N, C-alpha and C. Protein backbone atom coordinates (compact mmCIF):
# COMPACT_ATOMS: atom_id res chain seq x y z
N MET A 1 -9.89 8.00 0.67
CA MET A 1 -11.42 7.02 -0.32
C MET A 1 -11.06 5.75 -0.66
N GLU A 2 -9.79 5.74 -1.36
CA GLU A 2 -9.54 4.65 -1.68
C GLU A 2 -9.28 3.70 -0.55
N GLU A 3 -9.07 4.01 0.65
CA GLU A 3 -9.14 2.79 1.43
C GLU A 3 -10.32 2.23 1.99
N LEU A 4 -11.57 3.43 1.97
CA LEU A 4 -12.93 3.02 2.34
C LEU A 4 -13.27 1.77 1.10
N LEU A 5 -13.04 2.62 0.24
CA LEU A 5 -13.03 1.42 -0.95
C LEU A 5 -12.57 0.36 -1.18
N PHE A 6 -11.38 0.16 -1.03
CA PHE A 6 -10.87 -1.23 -1.45
C PHE A 6 -10.62 -2.10 0.04
N ARG A 7 -10.62 -1.28 1.34
CA ARG A 7 -10.01 -1.84 2.08
C ARG A 7 -11.34 -2.29 3.34
N LYS A 8 -12.57 -1.19 3.18
CA LYS A 8 -13.83 -1.44 3.84
C LYS A 8 -14.72 -2.29 2.91
N PHE A 9 -14.64 -1.39 1.78
CA PHE A 9 -16.27 -2.14 1.05
C PHE A 9 -15.63 -3.19 0.27
N ILE A 10 -14.57 -3.61 -0.28
CA ILE A 10 -14.18 -4.52 -1.40
C ILE A 10 -13.62 -5.82 -0.26
N LEU A 11 -12.72 -5.44 0.06
CA LEU A 11 -12.00 -6.27 1.42
C LEU A 11 -12.99 -7.40 2.32
N GLU A 12 -14.12 -6.67 2.96
CA GLU A 12 -15.21 -7.22 3.64
C GLU A 12 -15.98 -8.38 2.77
N ARG A 13 -16.31 -8.16 1.41
CA ARG A 13 -17.23 -8.73 0.59
C ARG A 13 -16.21 -9.79 0.24
N LEU A 14 -14.70 -9.85 0.28
CA LEU A 14 -13.77 -11.33 -0.19
C LEU A 14 -13.49 -11.99 0.68
N GLU A 15 -13.97 -11.30 2.04
CA GLU A 15 -13.46 -12.45 2.65
C GLU A 15 -13.87 -13.99 2.61
N CYS A 16 -15.13 -13.89 1.86
CA CYS A 16 -15.57 -15.84 1.63
C CYS A 16 -14.34 -16.01 1.16
N LEU A 17 -13.49 -15.73 0.49
CA LEU A 17 -12.03 -16.45 0.40
C LEU A 17 -11.13 -16.51 0.68
N GLY A 18 -11.11 -16.74 2.05
CA GLY A 18 -10.37 -16.78 3.25
C GLY A 18 -9.73 -15.79 3.08
N PHE A 19 -8.71 -15.74 4.06
CA PHE A 19 -7.78 -14.34 4.37
C PHE A 19 -6.76 -14.27 3.09
N LYS A 20 -6.24 -15.27 2.46
CA LYS A 20 -4.84 -15.21 1.82
C LYS A 20 -5.78 -14.68 0.06
N GLY A 21 -6.64 -15.29 -0.49
CA GLY A 21 -7.85 -14.93 -0.96
C GLY A 21 -7.98 -13.38 -1.04
N SER A 22 -8.96 -13.32 -0.20
CA SER A 22 -9.19 -11.79 0.05
C SER A 22 -8.28 -10.89 -0.08
N VAL A 23 -6.77 -11.01 0.66
CA VAL A 23 -5.98 -10.10 0.95
C VAL A 23 -5.04 -10.06 -0.82
N ILE A 24 -4.60 -11.15 -1.73
CA ILE A 24 -4.59 -11.13 -3.04
C ILE A 24 -5.67 -10.12 -3.91
N CYS A 25 -6.60 -10.65 -3.87
CA CYS A 25 -7.86 -10.51 -5.24
C CYS A 25 -8.04 -8.78 -4.76
N SER A 26 -8.13 -8.72 -3.01
CA SER A 26 -7.99 -6.85 -3.22
C SER A 26 -6.73 -6.62 -3.47
N ALA A 27 -6.01 -6.76 -3.51
CA ALA A 27 -4.52 -5.83 -3.96
C ALA A 27 -4.69 -5.46 -5.38
N VAL A 28 -5.09 -6.84 -6.32
CA VAL A 28 -5.15 -6.97 -7.90
C VAL A 28 -6.23 -6.19 -7.91
N LEU A 29 -7.25 -6.14 -7.45
CA LEU A 29 -8.63 -5.15 -7.62
C LEU A 29 -8.01 -3.16 -7.51
N PHE A 30 -7.03 -3.23 -6.47
CA PHE A 30 -6.55 -1.74 -6.04
C PHE A 30 -5.61 -1.25 -7.23
N ALA A 31 -4.99 -2.39 -7.48
CA ALA A 31 -3.92 -1.88 -8.85
C ALA A 31 -4.43 -1.69 -9.85
N LEU A 32 -5.54 -2.45 -10.12
CA LEU A 32 -5.94 -2.59 -11.77
C LEU A 32 -6.22 -0.91 -12.17
N PRO A 33 -7.35 0.29 -11.29
CA PRO A 33 -7.35 1.60 -11.81
C PRO A 33 -5.97 1.92 -12.30
N HIS A 34 -5.18 1.80 -11.18
CA HIS A 34 -3.62 2.52 -11.62
C HIS A 34 -2.99 2.26 -12.87
N LEU A 35 -3.11 0.53 -13.27
CA LEU A 35 -2.76 0.83 -14.44
C LEU A 35 -3.44 1.74 -15.60
N ILE A 36 -4.66 1.95 -15.65
CA ILE A 36 -5.04 2.79 -16.21
C ILE A 36 -4.55 4.64 -15.81
N SER A 37 -4.38 4.70 -14.86
CA SER A 37 -4.37 6.31 -14.35
C SER A 37 -3.18 6.55 -14.52
N GLN A 38 -1.88 5.61 -13.88
CA GLN A 38 -0.61 5.72 -13.52
C GLN A 38 0.57 4.80 -15.00
N GLY A 39 0.24 3.76 -15.38
CA GLY A 39 1.15 2.87 -15.91
C GLY A 39 1.21 1.29 -15.48
N PRO A 40 1.95 1.16 -16.36
CA PRO A 40 2.14 -0.56 -16.07
C PRO A 40 3.33 -0.67 -14.85
N ALA A 41 3.83 -0.18 -15.32
CA ALA A 41 5.32 0.34 -13.78
C ALA A 41 4.59 0.40 -12.58
N GLN A 42 3.19 1.56 -12.28
CA GLN A 42 3.24 1.59 -10.98
C GLN A 42 1.87 0.32 -10.50
N VAL A 43 1.87 -0.47 -11.41
CA VAL A 43 0.62 -1.71 -10.87
C VAL A 43 1.48 -2.44 -10.22
N ILE A 44 2.47 -2.24 -10.31
CA ILE A 44 3.86 -3.60 -9.45
C ILE A 44 3.58 -2.95 -7.63
N TYR A 45 3.82 -1.55 -7.89
CA TYR A 45 3.84 -0.79 -6.63
C TYR A 45 2.44 -0.71 -5.81
N THR A 46 1.98 -1.01 -6.34
CA THR A 46 0.16 -0.50 -6.18
C THR A 46 -0.38 -1.84 -5.49
N PHE A 47 0.22 -2.90 -6.57
CA PHE A 47 -0.23 -4.18 -5.61
C PHE A 47 0.42 -4.67 -4.31
N ALA A 48 1.68 -4.38 -4.50
CA ALA A 48 2.35 -4.70 -3.39
C ALA A 48 1.87 -4.07 -2.09
N LEU A 49 1.73 -2.81 -2.22
CA LEU A 49 1.04 -1.63 -1.31
C LEU A 49 -0.21 -2.02 -0.92
N GLY A 50 -1.14 -2.37 -1.92
CA GLY A 50 -2.47 -3.41 -1.72
C GLY A 50 -2.56 -4.48 -0.83
N LEU A 51 -1.30 -5.81 -0.80
CA LEU A 51 -1.28 -6.34 -0.28
C LEU A 51 -0.78 -6.00 1.52
N VAL A 52 0.10 -5.17 1.38
CA VAL A 52 0.43 -4.73 2.91
C VAL A 52 -0.84 -4.30 3.59
N TRP A 53 -1.71 -3.14 3.03
CA TRP A 53 -2.83 -2.71 3.48
C TRP A 53 -3.53 -3.37 3.68
N ALA A 54 -4.27 -4.23 2.80
CA ALA A 54 -5.25 -5.32 3.38
C ALA A 54 -4.73 -6.73 4.39
N TYR A 55 -3.51 -6.74 4.61
CA TYR A 55 -2.94 -8.10 5.47
C TYR A 55 -3.42 -7.04 6.36
N VAL A 56 -2.63 -5.60 6.71
CA VAL A 56 -2.79 -4.93 8.00
C VAL A 56 -4.07 -4.66 8.51
N THR A 57 -5.18 -4.14 7.71
CA THR A 57 -6.27 -4.46 7.88
C THR A 57 -7.35 -5.25 8.51
N LEU A 58 -7.09 -6.54 7.62
CA LEU A 58 -7.59 -7.90 8.37
C LEU A 58 -6.51 -8.60 9.68
N LYS A 59 -5.82 -8.34 9.44
CA LYS A 59 -5.03 -8.68 10.80
C LYS A 59 -5.55 -7.64 11.91
N THR A 60 -5.11 -6.43 12.26
CA THR A 60 -5.48 -5.45 13.33
C THR A 60 -6.91 -5.35 13.19
N GLY A 61 -7.47 -5.56 12.17
CA GLY A 61 -9.18 -4.99 12.22
C GLY A 61 -9.50 -3.60 12.35
N LYS A 62 -8.69 -3.19 12.12
CA LYS A 62 -8.40 -1.55 12.14
C LYS A 62 -8.29 -1.05 10.66
N LEU A 63 -9.30 0.09 10.15
CA LEU A 63 -9.13 0.55 8.91
C LEU A 63 -7.93 1.75 9.37
N TRP A 64 -8.07 2.33 10.11
CA TRP A 64 -7.16 3.75 10.28
C TRP A 64 -5.79 3.35 9.91
N LEU A 65 -5.27 2.27 10.39
CA LEU A 65 -3.58 2.12 10.05
C LEU A 65 -3.64 1.62 8.55
N ALA A 66 -4.51 1.32 7.57
CA ALA A 66 -4.32 1.59 6.20
C ALA A 66 -4.30 2.68 5.89
N VAL A 67 -4.79 3.92 6.09
CA VAL A 67 -5.26 4.79 5.61
C VAL A 67 -3.70 5.38 6.10
N ILE A 68 -3.31 5.57 7.52
CA ILE A 68 -1.93 6.03 7.84
C ILE A 68 -1.03 6.05 6.92
N LEU A 69 -0.93 4.56 6.34
CA LEU A 69 0.09 3.91 5.83
C LEU A 69 0.15 4.28 4.37
N HIS A 70 -1.36 4.68 3.79
CA HIS A 70 -1.57 4.99 2.81
C HIS A 70 -0.93 6.46 1.93
N SER A 71 -1.41 7.22 2.95
CA SER A 71 -1.08 8.38 3.20
C SER A 71 0.57 8.52 3.41
N LEU A 72 0.94 7.70 4.37
CA LEU A 72 2.62 7.95 3.95
C LEU A 72 3.72 7.22 2.70
N SER A 73 2.62 6.73 2.46
CA SER A 73 3.38 5.87 1.16
C SER A 73 2.89 7.30 0.04
N ASN A 74 2.07 7.61 0.36
CA ASN A 74 1.89 8.63 -1.27
C ASN A 74 2.76 9.82 -0.74
N VAL A 75 3.07 10.42 0.62
CA VAL A 75 4.28 11.34 1.08
C VAL A 75 5.49 10.87 0.67
N TYR A 76 6.12 9.62 0.71
CA TYR A 76 7.03 9.20 0.29
C TYR A 76 7.48 8.80 -1.03
N GLY A 77 6.14 8.51 -1.85
CA GLY A 77 6.36 8.05 -3.24
C GLY A 77 6.16 9.18 -3.84
N ALA A 78 5.69 10.21 -3.52
CA ALA A 78 5.22 11.32 -4.61
C ALA A 78 5.70 12.18 -3.98
N PHE A 79 5.30 13.00 -3.66
CA PHE A 79 5.91 14.47 -2.90
C PHE A 79 7.51 14.33 -2.35
N LEU A 80 8.14 13.35 -1.42
CA LEU A 80 9.07 13.49 -1.58
C LEU A 80 10.01 13.46 -2.87
N PRO A 81 10.22 12.57 -3.07
CA PRO A 81 10.75 12.12 -4.67
C PRO A 81 10.82 13.34 -5.42
N MET A 82 9.53 13.65 -5.38
CA MET A 82 9.64 15.35 -6.54
C MET A 82 10.40 16.03 -6.09
N SER A 83 10.01 16.78 -4.93
CA SER A 83 11.10 17.35 -3.73
C SER A 83 12.83 16.83 -4.26
N PHE A 84 13.17 15.90 -4.08
CA PHE A 84 14.55 15.31 -4.20
C PHE A 84 15.25 15.06 -5.38
N THR A 85 14.16 15.58 -6.64
CA THR A 85 14.14 15.79 -8.05
C THR A 85 15.53 17.11 -8.25
N ARG A 86 15.29 17.85 -7.33
CA ARG A 86 16.16 19.30 -7.21
C ARG A 86 17.55 18.96 -7.07
N ILE A 87 17.48 17.64 -6.21
CA ILE A 87 19.00 17.80 -5.36
C ILE A 87 20.03 16.85 -6.33
N ASN A 88 19.17 15.88 -7.20
CA ASN A 88 19.97 14.55 -7.33
C ASN A 88 18.88 13.99 -9.08
N PRO A 89 18.96 13.72 -9.87
CA PRO A 89 17.57 13.25 -10.73
C PRO A 89 17.68 11.25 -10.53
N ALA A 90 18.47 10.81 -9.86
CA ALA A 90 18.23 9.43 -9.13
C ALA A 90 18.03 9.37 -7.81
N MET A 91 17.46 10.71 -7.50
CA MET A 91 17.26 10.41 -5.91
C MET A 91 16.09 9.37 -5.48
N PRO A 92 14.94 9.88 -6.30
CA PRO A 92 13.50 9.33 -6.12
C PRO A 92 13.75 7.95 -6.44
N VAL A 93 14.26 7.45 -7.60
CA VAL A 93 14.21 6.20 -7.27
C VAL A 93 14.95 5.63 -6.05
N LEU A 94 15.98 6.05 -5.36
CA LEU A 94 16.31 5.15 -4.11
C LEU A 94 15.72 5.45 -3.35
N PHE A 95 14.96 6.75 -3.04
CA PHE A 95 14.27 6.81 -2.40
C PHE A 95 12.87 6.18 -2.12
N VAL A 96 12.39 5.82 -3.39
CA VAL A 96 11.17 4.81 -3.46
C VAL A 96 11.42 3.32 -2.98
N ALA A 97 12.78 2.81 -3.53
CA ALA A 97 13.18 1.86 -3.36
C ALA A 97 13.29 1.14 -2.03
N PHE A 98 14.14 2.42 -1.28
CA PHE A 98 14.50 2.18 -0.03
C PHE A 98 13.12 2.12 1.43
N THR A 99 12.10 2.88 0.42
CA THR A 99 10.63 3.11 0.84
C THR A 99 10.19 1.80 1.10
N MET A 100 10.48 0.99 -0.13
CA MET A 100 9.45 -0.49 -0.31
C MET A 100 10.22 -1.64 0.24
N LEU A 101 11.55 -1.56 0.25
CA LEU A 101 12.69 -2.53 0.94
C LEU A 101 12.15 -2.31 2.49
N ILE A 102 12.34 -1.30 3.08
CA ILE A 102 12.61 -1.09 4.55
C ILE A 102 11.35 -0.42 5.34
N ILE A 103 10.74 0.61 5.15
CA ILE A 103 9.79 1.38 5.80
C ILE A 103 8.74 0.26 5.41
N VAL A 104 7.92 0.24 5.13
CA VAL A 104 6.94 -0.55 4.48
C VAL A 104 6.95 -1.78 5.60
N PRO A 105 7.66 -2.50 5.32
CA PRO A 105 8.20 -4.30 6.24
C PRO A 105 8.28 -3.89 7.50
N ALA A 106 8.90 -2.78 7.71
CA ALA A 106 9.07 -2.33 9.21
C ALA A 106 7.79 -1.99 9.85
N ALA A 107 6.90 -1.26 8.94
CA ALA A 107 5.49 -0.85 9.51
C ALA A 107 4.98 -2.14 9.65
N ILE A 108 4.83 -2.94 8.60
CA ILE A 108 3.59 -4.04 9.45
C ILE A 108 4.36 -4.48 10.23
N ILE A 109 5.44 -4.46 10.32
CA ILE A 109 6.01 -5.81 11.74
C ILE A 109 5.46 -4.79 13.08
N LEU A 110 5.73 -3.62 13.13
CA LEU A 110 5.63 -3.35 14.18
C LEU A 110 3.89 -2.85 14.02
N ILE A 111 3.32 -2.77 13.78
CA ILE A 111 1.81 -2.55 13.54
C ILE A 111 1.29 -4.07 14.24
N VAL A 112 1.48 -4.79 13.37
CA VAL A 112 1.13 -6.38 13.56
C VAL A 112 1.92 -6.74 14.84
N ARG A 113 2.51 -6.55 15.30
CA ARG A 113 3.36 -7.05 16.60
C ARG A 113 2.22 -6.13 17.87
N GLU A 114 1.81 -4.99 17.37
CA GLU A 114 1.17 -3.87 18.47
C GLU A 114 -0.14 -4.41 18.83
N PHE A 115 -0.75 -4.83 17.78
CA PHE A 115 -2.33 -5.33 17.83
C PHE A 115 -2.30 -6.89 18.00
N LYS A 116 -1.75 -7.13 18.29
CA LYS A 116 -1.58 -9.37 18.59
C LYS A 116 -2.55 -9.14 19.78
């Protein structure tokens, strides 16, 4: 539902701001509800992911790619770190950092290259 709302409904209406403007504004609008529901630390994370998903959606014209990336992000950012906490309390932090620094940019590069 978030992808339909933020990448389909809102992002399409923000396209009048140009590519960069619509990507940035939609990412801000995506991050704000997470401030209320999950706190300030989550806003930076969701803003960055909102940038990625808006970029991918506009660049490829395919909403389903953002849906897949969002789903993977939820698995990597929530489910797996909670599971890894049982192994070592520091594992979730390392796992999320790895995801943000390597997996998300790699996914963007691969997807954009695929759909040029």
